[in-house]
Amino acid sequence: MERKLFEDNELIHAVIECNYEKVRELTLKKYKKPIYDIGGWEKQCPVFIISKAYQIIFEYYDDFEPFKKFVNDNDKILNLFSAQFSLGNIDDLMVEEYSGLYFETEKERTMQYTDAITNFDITDNLNECLAEEISGLRRSNIIKKLCELGADPYYIDFKGNEIMAKCEDDMLAGLYVVEKILKEPQEVYTNGMVVDIIGLARNIQNYEIMTIHGL
């Protein structure tokens, strides 16, 4: 299936800005059919993933003042999408599924990528594998698997960086990027901005996975 590029539209725009009334109006009149793919990723990325990512972010940073005014509207948007997409319970949805390889140009869309490693054995240094995953693809399912196999989230890699601290640094950087997106509405939103929102949610999920397994 040929993948399409991301293109901002009124509905995506309102979702990014957590504008519930606008989202409700658009889904009732102009976008009655669900948007199953906003474009820009190898895998189809439905529009509700943006709202789910926000929910993860807002719940984790529940005492972060700049986010508080968006929580209620975002929850209502997610509930609206849950009904529109017939989603049922999405509490356990891993946004990592929608935050893999992405592309912003036609050249990137048609590039060939080498499949990433997903299997590990006893000859691998699991700690270094985990460190590389946190610094690279950041796949939640692989991070969970490595932790279950015995990788230590508090391991210090050959560069002197602790894995958990590296993930925290990524989260902190993402926090202020997402704050800026919400604070400064744009005329047009880009794929990169959606990547930042989903990426922060993914890093939060990864951090929580490692917290559980690092006890």
Protein backbone atom coordinates (compact mmCIF):
# COMPACT_ATOMS: atom_id res chain seq x y z
CA MET A 1 0.00 0.00 0.00
CA GLU A 2 1.42 3.37 -1.01
CA ARG A 3 1.77 5.64 1.96
CA LYS A 4 0.63 9.25 1.76
CA LEU A 5 2.30 12.38 3.08
CA PHE A 6 0.85 14.24 6.06
CA GLU A 7 -1.38 17.19 5.23
CA ASP A 8 -2.96 19.44 7.84
CA ASN A 9 -6.73 19.90 7.64
CA GLU A 10 -9.38 21.61 9.75
CA LEU A 11 -10.06 18.57 11.91
CA ILE A 12 -6.41 17.69 12.58
CA HIS A 13 -5.83 21.38 13.27
CA ALA A 14 -8.60 21.48 15.90
CA VAL A 15 -7.41 18.23 17.48
CA ILE A 16 -3.86 19.56 17.88
CA GLU A 17 -5.25 22.70 19.53
CA CYS A 18 -7.61 20.67 21.78
CA ASN A 19 -10.58 22.64 20.47
CA TYR A 20 -13.48 20.34 21.35
CA GLU A 21 -16.29 22.53 20.01
CA LYS A 22 -14.58 22.78 16.62
CA VAL A 23 -13.86 19.05 16.52
CA ARG A 24 -17.48 18.29 17.40
CA GLU A 25 -18.77 20.64 14.72
CA LEU A 26 -16.49 19.19 12.04
CA THR A 27 -17.25 15.55 12.85
CA LEU A 28 -20.97 16.29 12.72
CA LYS A 29 -20.89 18.17 9.41
CA LYS A 30 -17.72 17.86 7.30
CA TYR A 31 -15.82 14.83 8.62
CA LYS A 32 -18.60 12.37 9.38
CA LYS A 33 -16.36 9.48 8.33
CA PRO A 34 -13.41 8.75 10.64
CA ILE A 35 -9.94 9.78 9.48
CA TYR A 36 -8.11 6.47 9.67
CA ASP A 37 -4.86 7.87 8.35
CA ILE A 38 -3.45 11.37 8.80
CA GLY A 39 -0.46 10.37 6.66
CA GLY A 40 3.28 10.62 7.21
CA TRP A 41 4.02 7.21 8.72
CA GLU A 42 4.74 3.73 7.39
CA LYS A 43 1.66 2.55 9.25
CA GLN A 44 -1.74 4.18 9.01
CA CYS A 45 -2.05 6.67 11.87
CA PRO A 46 -5.66 7.52 12.82
CA VAL A 47 -6.43 11.04 14.00
CA PHE A 48 -7.41 9.88 17.50
CA ILE A 49 -3.77 8.95 18.21
CA ILE A 50 -3.01 12.66 18.67
CA SER A 51 -5.67 12.93 21.38
CA LYS A 52 -4.53 9.69 23.03
CA ALA A 53 -0.96 11.00 23.08
CA TYR A 54 -2.14 14.22 24.72
CA GLN A 55 -4.05 12.21 27.34
CA ILE A 56 -0.89 10.28 28.26
CA ILE A 57 1.09 13.53 28.47
CA PHE A 58 -1.53 15.41 30.50
CA GLU A 59 -1.97 12.54 32.97
CA TYR A 60 1.78 12.20 33.53
CA TYR A 61 2.33 15.95 33.92
CA ASP A 62 -0.88 16.51 35.87
CA ASP A 63 0.66 19.29 37.96
CA PHE A 64 2.13 21.17 34.96
CA GLU A 65 0.09 24.37 34.92
CA PRO A 66 0.28 25.16 31.16
CA PHE A 67 -1.49 21.87 30.35
CA LYS A 68 -4.37 22.04 32.82
CA LYS A 69 -6.70 24.12 30.68
CA PHE A 70 -6.53 21.58 27.83
CA VAL A 71 -7.27 18.40 29.79
CA ASN A 72 -11.07 18.53 29.80
CA ASP A 73 -11.47 19.40 26.12
CA ASN A 74 -8.96 16.75 25.08
CA ASP A 75 -10.80 14.10 27.11
CA LYS A 76 -14.05 15.07 25.39
CA ILE A 77 -12.38 14.87 21.98
CA LEU A 78 -11.02 11.41 22.79
CA ASN A 79 -14.44 10.26 23.97
CA LEU A 80 -15.95 11.59 20.75
CA PHE A 81 -13.41 9.67 18.68
CA SER A 82 -13.90 6.54 20.78
CA ALA A 83 -17.56 6.59 19.73
CA GLN A 84 -16.87 7.57 16.11
CA PHE A 85 -14.22 4.86 15.61
CA SER A 86 -16.05 2.29 17.83
CA LEU A 87 -12.82 1.94 19.82
CA GLY A 88 -14.10 0.61 23.11
CA ASN A 89 -11.46 0.68 25.86
CA ILE A 90 -8.21 2.24 24.63
CA ASP A 91 -6.57 2.76 28.03
CA ASP A 92 -3.83 0.26 27.18
CA LEU A 93 -3.13 1.57 23.68
CA MET A 94 0.60 1.93 23.04
CA VAL A 95 1.21 5.01 20.92
CA GLU A 96 4.60 3.57 19.97
CA GLU A 97 2.74 1.58 17.33
CA TYR A 98 2.19 4.86 15.51
CA SER A 99 5.53 6.57 16.15
CA GLY A 100 7.92 4.52 14.02
CA LEU A 101 9.47 5.62 10.75
CA TYR A 102 7.87 8.78 9.43
CA PHE A 103 8.49 10.97 6.40
CA GLU A 104 7.94 14.63 5.54
CA THR A 105 9.01 14.66 1.88
CA GLU A 106 8.35 12.56 -1.21
CA LYS A 107 12.01 11.44 -1.22
CA GLU A 108 11.73 10.16 2.36
CA ARG A 109 8.45 8.42 1.54
CA THR A 110 10.05 6.31 -1.20
CA MET A 111 13.29 5.44 0.63
CA GLN A 112 14.04 1.83 1.53
CA TYR A 113 14.80 1.07 5.17
CA THR A 114 16.60 -1.89 6.73
CA ASP A 115 14.46 -3.88 9.15
CA ALA A 116 15.44 -3.17 12.76
CA ILE A 117 16.51 -5.96 15.11
CA THR A 118 13.67 -7.40 17.16
CA ASN A 119 15.18 -10.67 18.44
CA PHE A 120 17.88 -11.07 21.11
CA ASP A 121 19.76 -14.02 22.61
CA ILE A 122 22.05 -14.77 25.55
CA THR A 123 25.12 -13.63 23.61
CA ASP A 124 23.80 -10.08 23.43
CA ASN A 125 24.64 -7.43 26.00
CA LEU A 126 21.02 -6.70 26.91
CA ASN A 127 21.95 -3.56 28.82
CA GLU A 128 23.67 -2.08 25.77
CA CYS A 129 20.76 -3.19 23.57
CA LEU A 130 18.40 -1.31 25.89
CA ALA A 131 20.66 1.75 25.87
CA GLU A 132 20.72 1.72 22.06
CA GLU A 133 16.95 1.31 21.87
CA ILE A 134 16.34 4.29 24.20
CA SER A 135 18.72 6.42 22.11
CA GLY A 136 17.43 5.17 18.76
CA LEU A 137 14.09 3.72 17.70
CA ARG A 138 12.56 3.80 21.22
CA ARG A 139 10.16 0.91 20.49
CA SER A 140 8.02 0.24 23.55
CA ASN A 141 7.51 -3.45 22.77
CA ILE A 142 11.28 -4.00 22.41
CA ILE A 143 12.05 -2.04 25.59
CA LYS A 144 9.52 -4.15 27.50
CA LYS A 145 10.99 -7.34 26.05
CA LEU A 146 14.56 -6.36 26.95
CA CYS A 147 13.55 -5.45 30.50
CA GLU A 148 11.73 -8.78 30.89
CA LEU A 149 14.87 -10.58 29.70
CA GLY A 150 16.88 -8.86 32.43
CA ALA A 151 18.19 -5.59 31.01
CA ASP A 152 18.83 -3.00 33.73
CA PRO A 153 17.13 0.39 33.13
CA TYR A 154 19.65 1.98 35.51
CA TYR A 155 22.63 0.68 33.56
CA ILE A 156 25.28 3.26 32.64
CA ASP A 157 26.37 2.83 29.03
CA PHE A 158 29.87 3.13 27.59
CA LYS A 159 29.34 6.88 27.13
CA GLY A 160 28.63 7.30 30.84
CA ASN A 161 24.90 7.85 30.41
CA GLU A 162 22.29 6.14 32.57
CA ILE A 163 19.46 4.68 30.48
CA MET A 164 16.65 6.03 32.67
CA ALA A 165 18.27 9.46 32.78
CA LYS A 166 18.52 9.51 28.98
CA CYS A 167 14.80 8.78 28.73
CA GLU A 168 14.06 11.51 31.27
CA ASP A 169 16.12 13.98 29.22
CA ASP A 170 14.11 13.09 26.11
CA MET A 171 10.88 13.61 28.05
CA LEU A 172 11.99 16.99 29.37
CA ALA A 173 12.95 18.18 25.89
CA GLY A 174 9.63 16.95 24.52
CA LEU A 175 7.66 18.56 27.33
CA TYR A 176 8.66 22.07 26.38
CA VAL A 177 8.21 21.43 22.67
CA VAL A 178 4.62 20.26 23.26
CA GLU A 179 4.03 23.19 25.62
CA LYS A 180 5.11 25.54 22.82
CA ILE A 181 2.80 23.82 20.30
CA LEU A 182 -0.18 24.35 22.59
CA LYS A 183 0.86 27.84 23.64
CA GLU A 184 1.51 29.16 20.12
CA PRO A 185 -1.25 28.08 17.67
CA GLN A 186 -0.04 27.87 14.07
CA GLU A 187 -1.62 28.67 10.71
CA VAL A 188 -0.49 25.26 9.46
CA TYR A 189 0.71 22.28 11.47
CA THR A 190 3.42 19.95 10.17
CA ASN A 191 4.10 16.27 10.48
CA GLY A 192 7.07 17.13 12.68
CA MET A 193 4.79 18.76 15.25
CA VAL A 194 2.58 15.67 15.41
CA VAL A 195 5.74 13.57 15.72
CA ASP A 196 6.76 15.67 18.75
CA ILE A 197 3.38 15.12 20.45
CA ILE A 198 3.32 11.37 19.83
CA GLY A 199 7.03 11.09 20.62
CA LEU A 200 6.63 12.59 24.09
CA ALA A 201 3.76 10.21 24.86
CA ARG A 202 5.85 7.28 23.63
CA ASN A 203 8.82 8.30 25.79
CA ILE A 204 6.52 8.57 28.83
CA GLN A 205 5.22 5.06 28.18
CA ASN A 206 8.79 3.78 27.80
CA TYR A 207 9.87 5.45 31.03
CA GLU A 208 6.95 3.87 32.89
CA ILE A 209 7.77 0.45 31.43
CA MET A 210 11.36 0.74 32.68
CA THR A 211 10.21 2.08 36.07
CA ILE A 212 8.11 -1.05 36.60
CA HIS A 213 10.90 -3.41 35.57
CA GLY A 214 13.65 -1.48 37.31
CA LEU A 215 12.33 -1.91 40.85
